Amino acid sequence: MIVSNKRNVIERLRALDIPCEVHEHQAAPTMEDCLALPYAAPDVTFCKNILLCNRQMTDFYLLVMPPEKPFRTSAVSKLLGSSRLSFAPNEYLMDMLGLESGSLSPLALWFDEGKRVKLVIDGEVRKQGRIAFHPCDNTATVIFQQDVFWRQVLPALAHETIWI
């Protein structure tokens, strides 16, 4: 049985006094589902989140990128100086981050106790307005002001961050 970390994420955000909106909804495991939510306004950036690994499965990366931007393995691999990155097998989502497929977000890094995952952020997600992520469960969305996410949430995740 899968246990959701949604409650833990929301409690942590409240404990850190990080302002955000929390919206409960039907499961939204895909970008299309997220962009169809009623609060998917033009000023809200919903991010595509992808867990990647090298061939040996020794290096892991959580890539955060704009939803409309195509993912090109070769381009990201080159930017990270890693040979042949690919999608990490789903079992690593559960083993390392306590997640099911379709629930990945940077907020899951709070559960990466071994600090095995490096956060990789495409600079194009940093815009005016707000930014949205699942709180480790695709039946809810947390929306932050962009400035709040970058200045308060990102440092609280305490993970190595690589900007591309």
C-alpha atoms as a PDB file:
ATOM      1  CA  MET A   1       0.000   0.000   0.000  1.00  0.00           C
ATOM      2  CA  ILE A   2       1.287   3.447  -0.972  1.00  0.00           C
ATOM      3  CA  VAL A   3       1.367   6.110   1.727  1.00  0.00           C
ATOM      4  CA  SER A   4       1.098   9.688   0.490  1.00  0.00           C
ATOM      5  CA  ASN A   5       3.522  12.309   1.732  1.00  0.00           C
ATOM      6  CA  LYS A   6       1.031  15.071   0.868  1.00  0.00           C
ATOM      7  CA  ARG A   7       0.167  15.735   4.501  1.00  0.00           C
ATOM      8  CA  ASN A   8       3.870  15.798   5.473  1.00  0.00           C
ATOM      9  CA  VAL A   9       4.651  18.335   2.734  1.00  0.00           C
ATOM     10  CA  ILE A  10       1.765  20.621   3.680  1.00  0.00           C
ATOM     11  CA  GLU A  11       2.636  20.403   7.386  1.00  0.00           C
ATOM     12  CA  ARG A  12       6.279  21.224   6.607  1.00  0.00           C
ATOM     13  CA  LEU A  13       5.286  24.239   4.515  1.00  0.00           C
ATOM     14  CA  ARG A  14       3.088  25.480   7.379  1.00  0.00           C
ATOM     15  CA  ALA A  15       5.826  24.829   9.976  1.00  0.00           C
ATOM     16  CA  LEU A  16       8.263  26.869   7.861  1.00  0.00           C
ATOM     17  CA  ASP A  17       5.611  29.604   7.522  1.00  0.00           C
ATOM     18  CA  ILE A  18       5.830  29.449   3.726  1.00  0.00           C
ATOM     19  CA  PRO A  19       2.796  31.102   2.123  1.00  0.00           C
ATOM     20  CA  CYS A  20       1.050  29.013  -0.530  1.00  0.00           C
ATOM     21  CA  GLU A  21      -2.310  27.976  -1.895  1.00  0.00           C
ATOM     22  CA  VAL A  22      -3.295  24.311  -1.585  1.00  0.00           C
ATOM     23  CA  HIS A  23      -5.893  22.915  -3.980  1.00  0.00           C
ATOM     24  CA  GLU A  24      -7.361  19.422  -3.623  1.00  0.00           C
ATOM     25  CA  HIS A  25      -8.611  17.804  -6.856  1.00  0.00           C
ATOM     26  CA  GLN A  26      -9.060  14.545  -8.747  1.00  0.00           C
ATOM     27  CA  ALA A  27      -5.813  12.770  -9.645  1.00  0.00           C
ATOM     28  CA  ALA A  28      -3.848  14.803 -12.195  1.00  0.00           C
ATOM     29  CA  PRO A  29      -0.891  12.615 -13.180  1.00  0.00           C
ATOM     30  CA  THR A  30      -0.100  14.285 -16.535  1.00  0.00           C
ATOM     31  CA  MET A  31       0.753  17.797 -17.665  1.00  0.00           C
ATOM     32  CA  GLU A  32      -2.473  17.856 -19.678  1.00  0.00           C
ATOM     33  CA  ASP A  33      -4.446  17.049 -16.518  1.00  0.00           C
ATOM     34  CA  CYS A  34      -2.667  19.794 -14.576  1.00  0.00           C
ATOM     35  CA  LEU A  35      -3.163  22.406 -17.271  1.00  0.00           C
ATOM     36  CA  ALA A  36      -6.897  21.590 -17.315  1.00  0.00           C
ATOM     37  CA  LEU A  37      -7.339  22.371 -13.601  1.00  0.00           C
ATOM     38  CA  PRO A  38      -9.616  25.368 -12.926  1.00  0.00           C
ATOM     39  CA  TYR A  39      -6.813  27.450 -11.341  1.00  0.00           C
ATOM     40  CA  ALA A  40      -4.379  26.859 -14.211  1.00  0.00           C
ATOM     41  CA  ALA A  41      -4.286  30.581 -14.952  1.00  0.00           C
ATOM     42  CA  PRO A  42      -1.927  32.294 -17.389  1.00  0.00           C
ATOM     43  CA  ASP A  43       0.228  33.524 -14.478  1.00  0.00           C
ATOM     44  CA  VAL A  44       0.720  29.989 -13.047  1.00  0.00           C
ATOM     45  CA  THR A  45       3.675  27.922 -14.267  1.00  0.00           C
ATOM     46  CA  PHE A  46       2.964  24.215 -13.922  1.00  0.00           C
ATOM     47  CA  CYS A  47       6.304  22.432 -14.237  1.00  0.00           C
ATOM     48  CA  LYS A  48       7.204  19.206 -15.967  1.00  0.00           C
ATOM     49  CA  ASN A  49       9.181  17.109 -13.434  1.00  0.00           C
ATOM     50  CA  ILE A  50      11.276  14.192 -14.663  1.00  0.00           C
ATOM     51  CA  LEU A  51      13.453  11.792 -12.669  1.00  0.00           C
ATOM     52  CA  LEU A  52      16.536  10.878 -14.702  1.00  0.00           C
ATOM     53  CA  CYS A  53      19.480   8.589 -14.107  1.00  0.00           C
ATOM     54  CA  ASN A  54      22.683   7.569 -15.797  1.00  0.00           C
ATOM     55  CA  ARG A  55      23.095   4.107 -17.315  1.00  0.00           C
ATOM     56  CA  GLN A  56      24.733   2.730 -14.155  1.00  0.00           C
ATOM     57  CA  MET A  57      21.892   4.124 -12.015  1.00  0.00           C
ATOM     58  CA  THR A  58      24.382   5.824  -9.725  1.00  0.00           C
ATOM     59  CA  ASP A  59      23.542   9.463 -10.536  1.00  0.00           C
ATOM     60  CA  PHE A  60      19.982  10.754 -10.257  1.00  0.00           C
ATOM     61  CA  TYR A  61      18.543  14.094 -11.342  1.00  0.00           C
ATOM     62  CA  LEU A  62      15.139  15.677 -10.836  1.00  0.00           C
ATOM     63  CA  LEU A  63      14.662  17.881 -13.891  1.00  0.00           C
ATOM     64  CA  VAL A  64      12.164  20.754 -13.531  1.00  0.00           C
ATOM     65  CA  MET A  65      11.249  22.342 -16.844  1.00  0.00           C
ATOM     66  CA  PRO A  66       8.462  24.285 -18.574  1.00  0.00           C
ATOM     67  CA  PRO A  67       5.530  22.098 -19.656  1.00  0.00           C
ATOM     68  CA  GLU A  68       5.660  23.170 -23.286  1.00  0.00           C
ATOM     69  CA  LYS A  69       9.398  22.603 -23.700  1.00  0.00           C
ATOM     70  CA  PRO A  70      10.305  19.291 -25.341  1.00  0.00           C
ATOM     71  CA  PHE A  71      12.609  17.059 -23.322  1.00  0.00           C
ATOM     72  CA  ARG A  72      15.740  16.127 -25.263  1.00  0.00           C
ATOM     73  CA  THR A  73      17.862  13.543 -23.477  1.00  0.00           C
ATOM     74  CA  SER A  74      21.013  14.347 -25.437  1.00  0.00           C
ATOM     75  CA  ALA A  75      20.787  18.090 -24.736  1.00  0.00           C
ATOM     76  CA  VAL A  76      20.225  17.634 -20.993  1.00  0.00           C
ATOM     77  CA  SER A  77      22.948  14.965 -20.775  1.00  0.00           C
ATOM     78  CA  LYS A  78      25.413  17.337 -22.435  1.00  0.00           C
ATOM     79  CA  LEU A  79      24.484  20.257 -20.157  1.00  0.00           C
ATOM     80  CA  LEU A  80      24.996  18.046 -17.096  1.00  0.00           C
ATOM     81  CA  GLY A  81      28.194  16.475 -18.378  1.00  0.00           C
ATOM     82  CA  SER A  82      26.691  13.014 -18.036  1.00  0.00           C
ATOM     83  CA  SER A  83      26.645  10.324 -20.644  1.00  0.00           C
ATOM     84  CA  ARG A  84      23.260   9.047 -21.754  1.00  0.00           C
ATOM     85  CA  LEU A  85      20.707   9.999 -19.171  1.00  0.00           C
ATOM     86  CA  SER A  86      17.384   8.194 -19.302  1.00  0.00           C
ATOM     87  CA  PHE A  87      14.150   8.066 -17.340  1.00  0.00           C
ATOM     88  CA  ALA A  88      14.715   6.450 -13.962  1.00  0.00           C
ATOM     89  CA  PRO A  89      12.691   3.270 -13.412  1.00  0.00           C
ATOM     90  CA  ASN A  90       9.477   3.853 -11.437  1.00  0.00           C
ATOM     91  CA  GLU A  91      10.703   1.805  -8.470  1.00  0.00           C
ATOM     92  CA  TYR A  92      13.287   4.524  -7.778  1.00  0.00           C
ATOM     93  CA  LEU A  93      10.481   7.043  -7.293  1.00  0.00           C
ATOM     94  CA  MET A  94       9.199   4.975  -4.389  1.00  0.00           C
ATOM     95  CA  ASP A  95      12.567   3.826  -3.045  1.00  0.00           C
ATOM     96  CA  MET A  96      14.240   7.228  -2.981  1.00  0.00           C
ATOM     97  CA  LEU A  97      11.372   9.706  -2.743  1.00  0.00           C
ATOM     98  CA  GLY A  98       8.321   7.796  -1.515  1.00  0.00           C
ATOM     99  CA  LEU A  99       6.288   8.641  -4.634  1.00  0.00           C
ATOM    100  CA  GLU A 100       4.094   7.075  -7.251  1.00  0.00           C
ATOM    101  CA  SER A 101       4.492   7.983 -10.904  1.00  0.00           C
ATOM    102  CA  GLY A 102       2.657  11.219 -11.722  1.00  0.00           C
ATOM    103  CA  SER A 103       3.343  12.789  -8.308  1.00  0.00           C
ATOM    104  CA  LEU A 104       6.961  13.891  -8.742  1.00  0.00           C
ATOM    105  CA  SER A 105       7.903  17.413  -7.673  1.00  0.00           C
ATOM    106  CA  PRO A 106      10.860  19.163  -6.061  1.00  0.00           C
ATOM    107  CA  LEU A 107       8.967  18.993  -2.759  1.00  0.00           C
ATOM    108  CA  ALA A 108       9.755  15.250  -2.730  1.00  0.00           C
ATOM    109  CA  LEU A 109      13.402  16.098  -2.070  1.00  0.00           C
ATOM    110  CA  TRP A 110      12.482  16.500   1.597  1.00  0.00           C
ATOM    111  CA  PHE A 111      12.177  12.693   1.616  1.00  0.00           C
ATOM    112  CA  ASP A 112      15.499  11.999  -0.130  1.00  0.00           C
ATOM    113  CA  GLU A 113      17.347  11.423   3.116  1.00  0.00           C
ATOM    114  CA  GLY A 114      20.436  10.080   1.352  1.00  0.00           C
ATOM    115  CA  LYS A 115      20.653  13.216  -0.823  1.00  0.00           C
ATOM    116  CA  ARG A 116      21.011  10.983  -3.879  1.00  0.00           C
ATOM    117  CA  VAL A 117      18.983  13.216  -6.207  1.00  0.00           C
ATOM    118  CA  LYS A 118      20.357  16.447  -7.665  1.00  0.00           C
ATOM    119  CA  LEU A 119      17.808  19.105  -8.530  1.00  0.00           C
ATOM    120  CA  VAL A 120      18.169  20.416 -12.086  1.00  0.00           C
ATOM    121  CA  ILE A 121      16.138  23.505 -12.947  1.00  0.00           C
ATOM    122  CA  ASP A 122      15.592  24.856 -16.423  1.00  0.00           C
ATOM    123  CA  GLY A 123      15.912  28.628 -16.003  1.00  0.00           C
ATOM    124  CA  GLU A 124      12.820  29.180 -18.169  1.00  0.00           C
ATOM    125  CA  VAL A 125      10.511  28.130 -15.292  1.00  0.00           C
ATOM    126  CA  ARG A 126      11.577  31.183 -13.306  1.00  0.00           C
ATOM    127  CA  LYS A 127       9.056  33.792 -14.438  1.00  0.00           C
ATOM    128  CA  GLN A 128       6.725  36.429 -13.100  1.00  0.00           C
ATOM    129  CA  GLY A 129       3.607  35.212 -11.351  1.00  0.00           C
ATOM    130  CA  ARG A 130       3.219  31.899  -9.586  1.00  0.00           C
ATOM    131  CA  ILE A 131       4.608  28.364  -9.790  1.00  0.00           C
ATOM    132  CA  ALA A 132       2.771  25.105  -9.053  1.00  0.00           C
ATOM    133  CA  PHE A 133       3.766  21.606  -7.942  1.00  0.00           C
ATOM    134  CA  HIS A 134       2.087  18.501  -6.574  1.00  0.00           C
ATOM    135  CA  PRO A 135       2.790  18.041  -2.844  1.00  0.00           C
ATOM    136  CA  CYS A 136       4.069  14.498  -3.521  1.00  0.00           C
ATOM    137  CA  ASP A 137       0.559  13.351  -4.399  1.00  0.00           C
ATOM    138  CA  ASN A 138      -1.209  14.134  -7.656  1.00  0.00           C
ATOM    139  CA  THR A 139      -4.560  14.717  -5.929  1.00  0.00           C
ATOM    140  CA  ALA A 140      -3.476  18.192  -4.848  1.00  0.00           C
ATOM    141  CA  THR A 141      -1.525  21.168  -6.143  1.00  0.00           C
ATOM    142  CA  VAL A 142       0.452  23.718  -4.159  1.00  0.00           C
ATOM    143  CA  ILE A 143       0.877  27.147  -5.730  1.00  0.00           C
ATOM    144  CA  PHE A 144       3.584  29.573  -4.613  1.00  0.00           C
ATOM    145  CA  GLN A 145       4.461  33.072  -5.639  1.00  0.00           C
ATOM    146  CA  GLN A 146       7.607  32.630  -7.738  1.00  0.00           C
ATOM    147  CA  ASP A 147       9.688  34.712  -5.325  1.00  0.00           C
ATOM    148  CA  VAL A 148       8.498  32.627  -2.359  1.00  0.00           C
ATOM    149  CA  PHE A 149       9.451  29.384  -4.083  1.00  0.00           C
ATOM    150  CA  TRP A 150      12.959  30.531  -5.053  1.00  0.00           C
ATOM    151  CA  ARG A 151      13.799  32.374  -1.816  1.00  0.00           C
ATOM    152  CA  GLN A 152      12.099  30.170   0.785  1.00  0.00           C
ATOM    153  CA  VAL A 153      11.180  26.726  -0.547  1.00  0.00           C
ATOM    154  CA  LEU A 154      14.284  26.007  -2.621  1.00  0.00           C
ATOM    155  CA  PRO A 155      16.738  26.676   0.247  1.00  0.00           C
ATOM    156  CA  ALA A 156      14.545  24.627   2.622  1.00  0.00           C
ATOM    157  CA  LEU A 157      14.880  21.598   0.327  1.00  0.00           C
ATOM    158  CA  ALA A 158      18.614  21.582   1.137  1.00  0.00           C
ATOM    159  CA  HIS A 159      19.622  19.805  -2.076  1.00  0.00           C
ATOM    160  CA  GLU A 160      22.279  20.545  -4.622  1.00  0.00           C
ATOM    161  CA  THR A 161      20.697  22.631  -7.377  1.00  0.00           C
ATOM    162  CA  ILE A 162      21.988  22.849 -10.937  1.00  0.00           C
ATOM    163  CA  TRP A 163      20.616  25.541 -13.255  1.00  0.00           C
ATOM    164  CA  ILE A 164      20.495  24.887 -16.980  1.00  0.00           C
END
